[in-house]
Protein backbone atom coordinates (compact mmCIF):
# COMPACT_ATOMS: atom_id res chain seq x y z
CA UNK A 1 -95.53 14.47 -133.72
CA UNK A 2 -96.61 11.00 -134.76
CA UNK A 3 -97.18 10.02 -131.12
CA UNK A 4 -99.27 13.13 -130.46
CA UNK A 5 -101.33 12.50 -133.60
CA UNK A 6 -101.97 8.95 -132.42
CA UNK A 7 -103.15 10.19 -129.01
CA UNK A 8 -105.44 12.78 -130.59
CA UNK A 9 -106.92 10.11 -132.85
CA UNK A 10 -107.63 7.93 -129.82
CA UNK A 11 -109.14 10.75 -127.75
CA UNK A 12 -111.33 12.23 -130.50
CA UNK A 13 -114.19 9.67 -130.26
CA UNK A 14 -114.33 10.19 -126.48
CA UNK A 15 -114.79 13.93 -126.79
CA UNK A 16 -117.10 13.63 -129.80
CA UNK A 17 -119.60 11.31 -128.11
CA UNK A 18 -119.47 13.27 -124.86
CA UNK A 19 -120.16 16.45 -126.84
CA UNK A 20 -123.11 14.77 -128.56
CA UNK A 21 -124.51 13.84 -125.16
CA UNK A 22 -124.08 17.40 -123.95
CA UNK A 23 -125.82 18.83 -127.03
CA UNK A 24 -128.69 16.35 -126.75
CA UNK A 25 -129.14 17.19 -123.08
CA UNK A 26 -128.89 20.90 -123.74
CA UNK A 27 -131.73 20.69 -126.22
CA UNK A 28 -133.86 18.43 -124.01
CA UNK A 29 -134.29 15.99 -126.88
CA UNK A 30 -134.47 12.85 -124.72
CA UNK A 31 -136.32 14.30 -121.75
CA UNK A 32 -135.32 14.92 -118.15
CA UNK A 33 -134.94 11.22 -117.25
CA UNK A 34 -132.66 10.36 -120.16
CA UNK A 35 -129.48 10.25 -118.06
CA UNK A 36 -130.98 7.81 -115.57
CA UNK A 37 -132.53 5.60 -118.25
CA UNK A 38 -129.32 5.43 -120.29
CA UNK A 39 -127.30 4.77 -117.14
CA UNK A 40 -129.53 1.86 -116.17
CA UNK A 41 -129.37 0.49 -119.72
CA UNK A 42 -125.57 0.53 -119.61
CA UNK A 43 -125.32 -0.97 -116.12
CA UNK A 44 -128.00 -3.66 -116.40
CA UNK A 45 -128.00 -4.58 -120.11
CA UNK A 46 -125.20 -3.40 -122.40
CA UNK A 47 -122.18 -3.59 -120.10
CA UNK A 48 -123.00 -7.12 -118.83
CA UNK A 49 -123.30 -8.30 -122.44
CA UNK A 50 -119.95 -6.72 -123.35
CA UNK A 51 -118.18 -8.17 -120.32
CA UNK A 52 -119.64 -11.64 -120.78
CA UNK A 53 -118.54 -11.72 -124.41
CA UNK A 54 -115.04 -10.49 -123.65
CA UNK A 55 -114.39 -12.76 -120.66
CA UNK A 56 -115.87 -15.87 -122.28
CA UNK A 57 -113.39 -15.55 -125.15
CA UNK A 58 -110.35 -14.96 -122.95
CA UNK A 59 -107.67 -17.51 -122.14
CA UNK A 60 -107.51 -18.65 -118.50
CA UNK A 61 -103.74 -17.97 -118.41
CA UNK A 62 -104.12 -14.30 -119.37
CA UNK A 63 -102.56 -13.03 -116.12
CA UNK A 64 -99.45 -15.25 -116.24
CA UNK A 65 -96.98 -12.49 -117.13
CA UNK A 66 -94.66 -10.33 -114.99
CA UNK A 67 -95.98 -7.19 -116.71
CA UNK A 68 -99.36 -7.75 -115.10
CA UNK A 69 -97.71 -7.83 -111.67
CA UNK A 70 -96.37 -4.31 -112.21
CA UNK A 71 -99.71 -3.01 -113.44
CA UNK A 72 -101.61 -4.74 -110.63
CA UNK A 73 -99.27 -3.28 -108.01
CA UNK A 74 -99.81 0.24 -109.35
CA UNK A 75 -103.57 -0.26 -109.46
CA UNK A 76 -103.85 -1.71 -105.95
CA UNK A 77 -101.65 0.92 -104.31
CA UNK A 78 -103.26 3.85 -106.10
CA UNK A 79 -106.80 2.66 -105.46
CA UNK A 80 -105.90 2.19 -101.81
CA UNK A 81 -104.44 5.69 -101.62
CA UNK A 82 -107.53 7.15 -103.25
CA UNK A 83 -109.78 5.30 -100.81
CA UNK A 84 -107.82 6.56 -97.79
CA UNK A 85 -107.56 10.13 -99.07
CA UNK A 86 -111.30 10.32 -99.76
CA UNK A 87 -112.02 9.40 -96.16
CA UNK A 88 -109.21 11.08 -94.23
CA UNK A 89 -108.91 14.36 -96.15
CA UNK A 90 -112.41 14.88 -97.54
CA UNK A 91 -114.63 13.09 -95.01
CA UNK A 92 -116.29 10.81 -97.55
CA UNK A 93 -118.56 7.97 -96.50
CA UNK A 94 -117.86 4.31 -97.27
CA UNK A 95 -119.51 4.23 -100.71
CA UNK A 96 -117.97 7.52 -101.83
CA UNK A 97 -114.57 6.29 -100.67
CA UNK A 98 -115.00 3.32 -102.99
CA UNK A 99 -115.73 5.69 -105.88
CA UNK A 100 -112.71 7.81 -104.95
CA UNK A 101 -110.47 4.76 -104.88
CA UNK A 102 -111.82 3.48 -108.19
CA UNK A 103 -111.41 6.89 -109.84
CA UNK A 104 -107.78 6.97 -108.69
CA UNK A 105 -106.74 3.64 -110.19
CA UNK A 106 -109.33 2.23 -112.63
CA UNK A 107 -108.08 3.00 -116.14
CA UNK A 108 -110.07 3.56 -119.31
CA UNK A 109 -108.68 0.41 -120.85
CA UNK A 110 -111.39 -0.47 -123.37
CA UNK A 111 -112.49 2.44 -125.53
CA UNK A 112 -109.31 4.50 -124.98
CA UNK A 113 -106.69 1.94 -124.01
CA UNK A 114 -107.11 -0.20 -127.13
CA UNK A 115 -106.68 2.60 -129.71
CA UNK A 116 -103.79 4.11 -127.75
CA UNK A 117 -102.08 0.71 -127.52
CA UNK A 118 -102.55 0.04 -131.23
CA UNK A 119 -101.23 3.46 -132.24
CA UNK A 120 -98.40 3.80 -129.70
CA UNK A 121 -97.42 0.21 -128.88
CA UNK A 122 -98.43 -1.44 -132.13
CA UNK A 123 -100.17 -4.23 -130.22
CA UNK A 124 -103.22 -4.37 -127.94
CA UNK A 125 -102.53 -7.76 -126.35
CA UNK A 126 -101.44 -6.30 -123.01
CA UNK A 127 -104.50 -4.04 -122.88
CA UNK A 128 -106.67 -7.15 -123.18
CA UNK A 129 -105.01 -8.52 -120.04
CA UNK A 130 -105.59 -5.19 -118.27
CA UNK A 131 -109.27 -5.28 -119.18
CA UNK A 132 -109.66 -8.79 -117.78
CA UNK A 133 -107.79 -7.84 -114.60
CA UNK A 134 -110.09 -4.91 -113.99
CA UNK A 135 -113.26 -6.80 -114.86
CA UNK A 136 -112.55 -9.97 -112.91
CA UNK A 137 -110.67 -8.62 -109.87
CA UNK A 138 -111.03 -4.87 -109.41
CA UNK A 139 -114.70 -4.46 -110.36
CA UNK A 140 -116.09 -7.09 -107.94
CA UNK A 141 -114.13 -5.50 -105.07
CA UNK A 142 -115.44 -2.02 -105.90
CA UNK A 143 -119.04 -3.19 -106.30
CA UNK A 144 -118.84 -5.11 -103.03
CA UNK A 145 -117.66 -1.95 -101.25
CA UNK A 146 -120.43 0.07 -102.91
CA UNK A 147 -123.05 -2.48 -101.94
CA UNK A 148 -121.82 -2.54 -98.34
CA UNK A 149 -121.56 1.24 -98.18
CA UNK A 150 -125.13 1.83 -99.37
CA UNK A 151 -126.97 -1.00 -97.63
CA UNK A 152 -127.97 1.13 -94.61
CA UNK A 153 -129.48 3.96 -96.60
CA UNK A 154 -133.13 4.83 -97.04
CA UNK A 155 -134.26 2.44 -94.34
CA UNK A 156 -132.46 -0.55 -95.68
CA UNK A 157 -131.46 -3.30 -93.30
CA UNK A 158 -134.32 -3.34 -90.83
CA UNK A 159 -137.78 -1.94 -90.51
CA UNK A 160 -136.49 0.80 -88.24
CA UNK A 161 -133.81 1.87 -90.70
CA UNK A 162 -130.91 0.61 -88.56
CA UNK A 163 -128.07 -1.30 -90.10
CA UNK A 164 -128.49 -5.04 -90.39
CA UNK A 165 -126.43 -7.40 -88.27
CA UNK A 166 -123.38 -9.43 -89.32
CA UNK A 167 -125.55 -12.29 -90.60
CA UNK A 168 -127.43 -10.06 -93.00
CA UNK A 169 -124.18 -8.46 -94.16
CA UNK A 170 -122.71 -11.89 -94.92
CA UNK A 171 -125.85 -12.90 -96.82
CA UNK A 172 -125.68 -9.73 -98.88
CA UNK A 173 -122.03 -10.36 -99.72
CA UNK A 174 -122.73 -13.94 -100.77
CA UNK A 175 -125.74 -13.03 -102.88
CA UNK A 176 -124.13 -9.96 -104.49
CA UNK A 177 -123.19 -11.82 -107.73
CA UNK A 178 -126.83 -12.82 -108.20
CA UNK A 179 -128.03 -9.25 -107.59
CA UNK A 180 -125.39 -7.42 -109.62
CA UNK A 181 -125.47 -7.92 -113.41
CA UNK A 182 -121.85 -6.83 -113.88
CA UNK A 183 -120.46 -9.48 -111.53
CA UNK A 184 -122.90 -12.15 -112.75
CA UNK A 185 -121.95 -11.58 -116.40
CA UNK A 186 -118.23 -11.74 -115.58
CA UNK A 187 -118.73 -14.94 -113.54
CA UNK A 188 -120.67 -16.61 -116.35
CA UNK A 189 -117.96 -15.56 -118.80
CA UNK A 190 -115.30 -17.20 -116.61
CA UNK A 191 -117.35 -20.43 -116.50
CA UNK A 192 -117.74 -20.49 -120.28
CA UNK A 193 -114.04 -19.80 -120.80
CA UNK A 194 -112.90 -22.40 -118.24
CA UNK A 195 -115.10 -25.09 -119.80
CA UNK A 196 -113.89 -24.24 -123.30
CA UNK A 197 -117.43 -23.70 -124.55
CA UNK A 198 -118.33 -21.80 -127.70
CA UNK A 199 -121.53 -19.83 -127.96
CA UNK A 200 -123.78 -20.43 -130.98
CA UNK A 201 -123.09 -17.89 -133.69
CA UNK A 202 -126.48 -16.23 -133.43
CA UNK A 203 -126.17 -15.80 -129.65
CA UNK A 204 -122.57 -14.56 -129.86
CA UNK A 205 -123.49 -12.05 -132.56
CA UNK A 206 -126.40 -10.79 -130.46
CA UNK A 207 -124.12 -10.30 -127.44
CA UNK A 208 -121.56 -8.49 -129.60
CA UNK A 209 -124.21 -6.16 -130.97
CA UNK A 210 -125.68 -5.42 -127.55
CA UNK A 211 -122.31 -5.06 -125.85
CA UNK A 212 -121.15 -2.66 -128.53
CA UNK A 213 -123.69 -0.15 -127.25
CA UNK A 214 -122.15 0.02 -123.75
CA UNK A 215 -119.28 2.48 -124.32
CA UNK A 216 -121.04 4.97 -126.63
CA UNK A 217 -124.15 5.00 -124.45
CA UNK A 218 -122.07 5.58 -121.31
CA UNK A 219 -120.31 8.50 -123.01
CA UNK A 220 -123.65 9.97 -124.10
CA UNK A 221 -124.86 9.72 -120.49
CA UNK A 222 -121.64 11.38 -119.34
CA UNK A 223 -122.28 14.23 -121.75
CA UNK A 224 -125.85 14.56 -120.53
CA UNK A 225 -124.58 15.00 -116.97
CA UNK A 226 -122.57 18.07 -118.00
CA UNK A 227 -125.85 19.98 -118.27
CA UNK A 228 -126.48 19.57 -114.54
CA UNK A 229 -130.09 18.50 -115.05
CA UNK A 230 -131.65 16.70 -112.06
CA UNK A 231 -132.14 13.00 -112.57
CA UNK A 232 -135.23 11.13 -111.51
CA UNK A 233 -134.87 9.14 -108.32
CA UNK A 234 -138.27 9.00 -106.73
CA UNK A 235 -137.99 5.29 -106.20
CA UNK A 236 -134.51 5.30 -104.67
CA UNK A 237 -135.66 4.24 -101.17
CA UNK A 238 -137.62 1.27 -102.54
CA UNK A 239 -134.69 0.17 -104.68
CA UNK A 240 -132.30 0.51 -101.74
CA UNK A 241 -134.52 -1.67 -99.57
CA UNK A 242 -134.44 -4.32 -102.29
CA UNK A 243 -130.64 -4.22 -102.34
CA UNK A 244 -130.50 -2.63 -105.81
CA UNK A 245 -128.47 0.39 -106.88
CA UNK A 246 -130.49 3.58 -106.67
CA UNK A 247 -130.37 6.57 -109.02
CA UNK A 248 -129.61 9.97 -107.61
CA UNK A 249 -132.47 12.29 -106.73
CA UNK A 250 -130.77 15.45 -107.88
CA UNK A 251 -127.53 17.10 -108.77
CA UNK A 252 -127.86 20.84 -109.31
CA UNK A 253 -126.33 22.88 -106.54
CA UNK A 254 -125.10 19.91 -104.54
CA UNK A 255 -121.93 20.60 -102.57
CA UNK A 256 -119.87 18.80 -99.98
CA UNK A 257 -120.40 20.22 -96.50
CA UNK A 258 -119.24 17.69 -93.92
CA UNK A 259 -118.44 19.94 -90.98
CA UNK A 260 -121.60 22.06 -91.30
CA UNK A 261 -123.89 19.07 -91.74
CA UNK A 262 -122.53 17.36 -88.64
CA UNK A 263 -123.06 20.50 -86.58
CA UNK A 264 -126.65 20.81 -87.80
CA UNK A 265 -127.61 17.20 -87.20
CA UNK A 266 -125.00 15.22 -85.22
CA UNK A 267 -127.43 12.32 -84.73
CA UNK A 268 -127.36 11.29 -88.39
CA UNK A 269 -125.10 8.28 -88.94
CA UNK A 270 -123.76 9.58 -92.25
CA UNK A 271 -123.29 13.15 -91.01
CA UNK A 272 -125.17 14.87 -93.81
CA UNK A 273 -128.42 16.78 -94.22
CA UNK A 274 -130.08 19.19 -96.57
CA UNK A 275 -130.08 22.83 -95.62
CA UNK A 276 -133.85 23.07 -96.12
CA UNK A 277 -134.45 20.47 -93.40
CA UNK A 278 -134.83 17.34 -95.52
CA UNK A 279 -132.25 14.59 -95.41
CA UNK A 280 -130.63 13.24 -98.56
CA UNK A 281 -129.44 9.69 -99.18
CA UNK A 282 -126.40 10.64 -101.24
CA UNK A 283 -124.39 12.44 -98.56
CA UNK A 284 -124.53 15.91 -100.10
CA UNK A 285 -126.29 19.14 -99.23
CA UNK A 286 -128.28 21.66 -101.22
CA UNK A 287 -126.72 24.97 -100.31
CA UNK A 288 -128.10 28.24 -101.71
CA UNK A 289 -125.82 30.48 -99.63
CA UNK A 290 -122.07 31.11 -99.82
CA UNK A 291 -120.32 27.90 -100.81
CA UNK A 292 -116.78 28.95 -101.65
CA UNK A 293 -115.21 26.69 -99.06
CA UNK A 294 -117.17 23.58 -100.03
CA UNK A 295 -116.79 24.14 -103.78
CA UNK A 296 -113.08 24.63 -103.20
CA UNK A 297 -112.98 21.32 -101.34
CA UNK A 298 -114.70 19.59 -104.24
CA UNK A 299 -112.17 21.02 -106.68
CA UNK A 300 -109.32 19.97 -104.38
CA UNK A 301 -110.65 16.40 -104.28
CA UNK A 302 -110.82 16.27 -108.07
CA UNK A 303 -107.25 17.59 -108.27
CA UNK A 304 -105.95 14.98 -105.82
CA UNK A 305 -107.68 12.12 -107.68
CA UNK A 306 -106.33 13.34 -111.03
CA UNK A 307 -102.79 13.50 -109.63
CA UNK A 308 -103.11 9.98 -108.25
CA UNK A 309 -104.49 8.67 -111.52
CA UNK A 310 -102.29 10.38 -114.08
CA UNK A 311 -99.00 10.70 -112.16
CA UNK A 312 -98.80 8.45 -109.11
CA UNK A 313 -100.16 5.28 -110.71
CA UNK A 314 -97.78 5.32 -113.72
CA UNK A 315 -94.85 6.18 -111.44
CA UNK A 316 -95.61 3.21 -109.18
CA UNK A 317 -95.95 0.95 -112.22
CA UNK A 318 -92.62 2.22 -113.53
CA UNK A 319 -90.93 1.67 -110.18
CA UNK A 320 -92.20 -1.90 -109.89
CA UNK A 321 -91.71 -2.83 -113.54
CA UNK A 322 -88.30 -1.20 -113.95
CA UNK A 323 -86.01 -1.51 -110.91
CA UNK A 324 -87.85 -4.43 -109.26
CA UNK A 325 -89.00 -6.72 -112.09
CA UNK A 326 -86.55 -5.46 -114.73
CA UNK A 327 -89.03 -5.69 -117.58
CA UNK A 328 -87.82 -5.19 -121.11
CA UNK A 329 -88.21 -1.72 -122.61
CA UNK A 330 -91.31 -2.59 -124.71
CA UNK A 331 -92.96 -4.33 -121.74
CA UNK A 332 -92.21 -1.41 -119.43
CA UNK A 333 -93.61 1.05 -121.96
CA UNK A 334 -96.83 -0.98 -122.24
CA UNK A 335 -97.24 -1.12 -118.45
CA UNK A 336 -96.65 2.60 -117.90
CA UNK A 337 -98.81 3.69 -120.84
CA UNK A 338 -101.73 1.60 -119.62
CA UNK A 339 -101.24 2.88 -116.06
CA UNK A 340 -101.29 6.49 -117.31
CA UNK A 341 -104.68 6.10 -119.01
CA UNK A 342 -107.43 8.30 -117.52
CA UNK A 343 -110.29 7.24 -115.26
CA UNK A 344 -112.85 5.02 -116.96
CA UNK A 345 -116.43 6.23 -117.41
CA UNK A 346 -117.49 3.14 -115.41
CA UNK A 347 -116.86 5.27 -112.32
CA UNK A 348 -119.62 7.64 -113.40
CA UNK A 349 -121.98 4.77 -114.25
CA UNK A 350 -121.47 3.03 -110.89
CA UNK A 351 -121.84 6.28 -108.93
CA UNK A 352 -125.08 6.99 -110.75
CA UNK A 353 -126.55 3.56 -110.20
CA UNK A 354 -125.67 3.50 -106.50
CA UNK A 355 -127.21 6.90 -105.81
CA UNK A 356 -123.93 8.76 -105.22
CA UNK A 357 -122.67 12.15 -106.36
CA UNK A 358 -122.44 11.85 -110.14
CA UNK A 359 -121.18 15.40 -110.53
CA UNK A 360 -118.01 14.55 -108.66
CA UNK A 361 -117.59 11.23 -110.48
CA UNK A 362 -118.13 13.01 -113.79
CA UNK A 363 -115.44 15.56 -112.92
CA UNK A 364 -113.01 12.75 -112.07
CA UNK A 365 -113.50 11.27 -115.55
CA UNK A 366 -113.42 14.51 -117.52
CA UNK A 367 -110.48 16.11 -115.68
CA UNK A 368 -108.31 12.99 -115.77
CA UNK A 369 -109.04 12.56 -119.48
CA UNK A 370 -107.86 16.10 -120.20
CA UNK A 371 -104.70 15.83 -118.09
CA UNK A 372 -103.83 12.35 -119.36
CA UNK A 373 -103.22 13.70 -122.86
CA UNK A 374 -100.19 15.52 -121.46
CA UNK A 375 -98.98 12.71 -119.20
CA UNK A 376 -99.36 10.06 -121.92
CA UNK A 377 -97.38 12.26 -124.29
CA UNK A 378 -94.67 12.59 -121.65
CA UNK A 379 -94.58 8.81 -121.13
CA UNK A 380 -94.29 8.14 -124.86
CA UNK A 381 -91.55 10.75 -125.19
CA UNK A 382 -89.57 9.45 -122.19
CA UNK A 383 -89.88 5.71 -122.76
CA UNK A 384 -90.86 5.37 -126.41
CA UNK A 385 -87.37 5.95 -127.79
CA UNK A 386 -85.82 3.22 -125.65
CA UNK A 387 -88.61 0.80 -126.57
């Protein structure tokens, strides 16, 4: 019972802030563009401040532990599986495959992992290493895939809307840190940490205050998305041409319809169109007719991602950490518990800012968070006694 109480205590703030966001959106208190504005604030301002502060205070030798090898193996394999499944089974494009892979293996290590670790493990030191691993290694890979997967949309690349050549692709990859605030903040944090620098107290306090707004604001935006209100994205083509993430242009009634879209317009490179004759940049269709098959496909994709996240990832981590690396019982418990954490809300934020399907990303986060309460309880019951 004590373990379940600890899990409920850790999950309560997540549900509370998401519910506040839903209530605010339901009442229209912040206006129709609130979700987009809050999402951009998190992505461009609050989250970079939080990541810079955290990384700049970290030790360079944070990854030098066998436990991180087990966690990294589970993350890499599960993200890879999610990426392949999104493309092979559900016909997702390159950018959506990146979101599918991230949703399958990117854990909610900060606002949920820390309280769970403190309550269940009695120590959050390993979670700090997980956060750094995800920020410094996983996030840049995901953002690079998202940038590459969206660069040809809305006329980006050339004046005729065709994809740019290899030279332009290389230039975009090299300049991505300068164009992406998440990667830039992490890179600057690594420089500060490596040089052993200390920020002035006033500057450090300002970064702490600003970074503290990242998680609650992201959860409020997640709650807002549950209302299904359309977000403003009138300037998505201009932002895409400038190599910046673009907000979605709408969300209500959007469903996956790969086979039908390709039959309607086989000349489109992404294979998608709107049923009223207008193309959409996010790879989804507005469908006012029968949509049982496509809605069922969307639910199946969510189910597969949740299984990968809450079951497959912790099982891989257990297999690597137990039989292969022979970690001690407390170390193995820490690895498996962290691997069983649900999908982070960063997946929703990144999908929103890159003009992808936020409804699907939102469902990944919400569904995995619900299911993870059961799987985390099972992990604590199975491994907690031995530890």
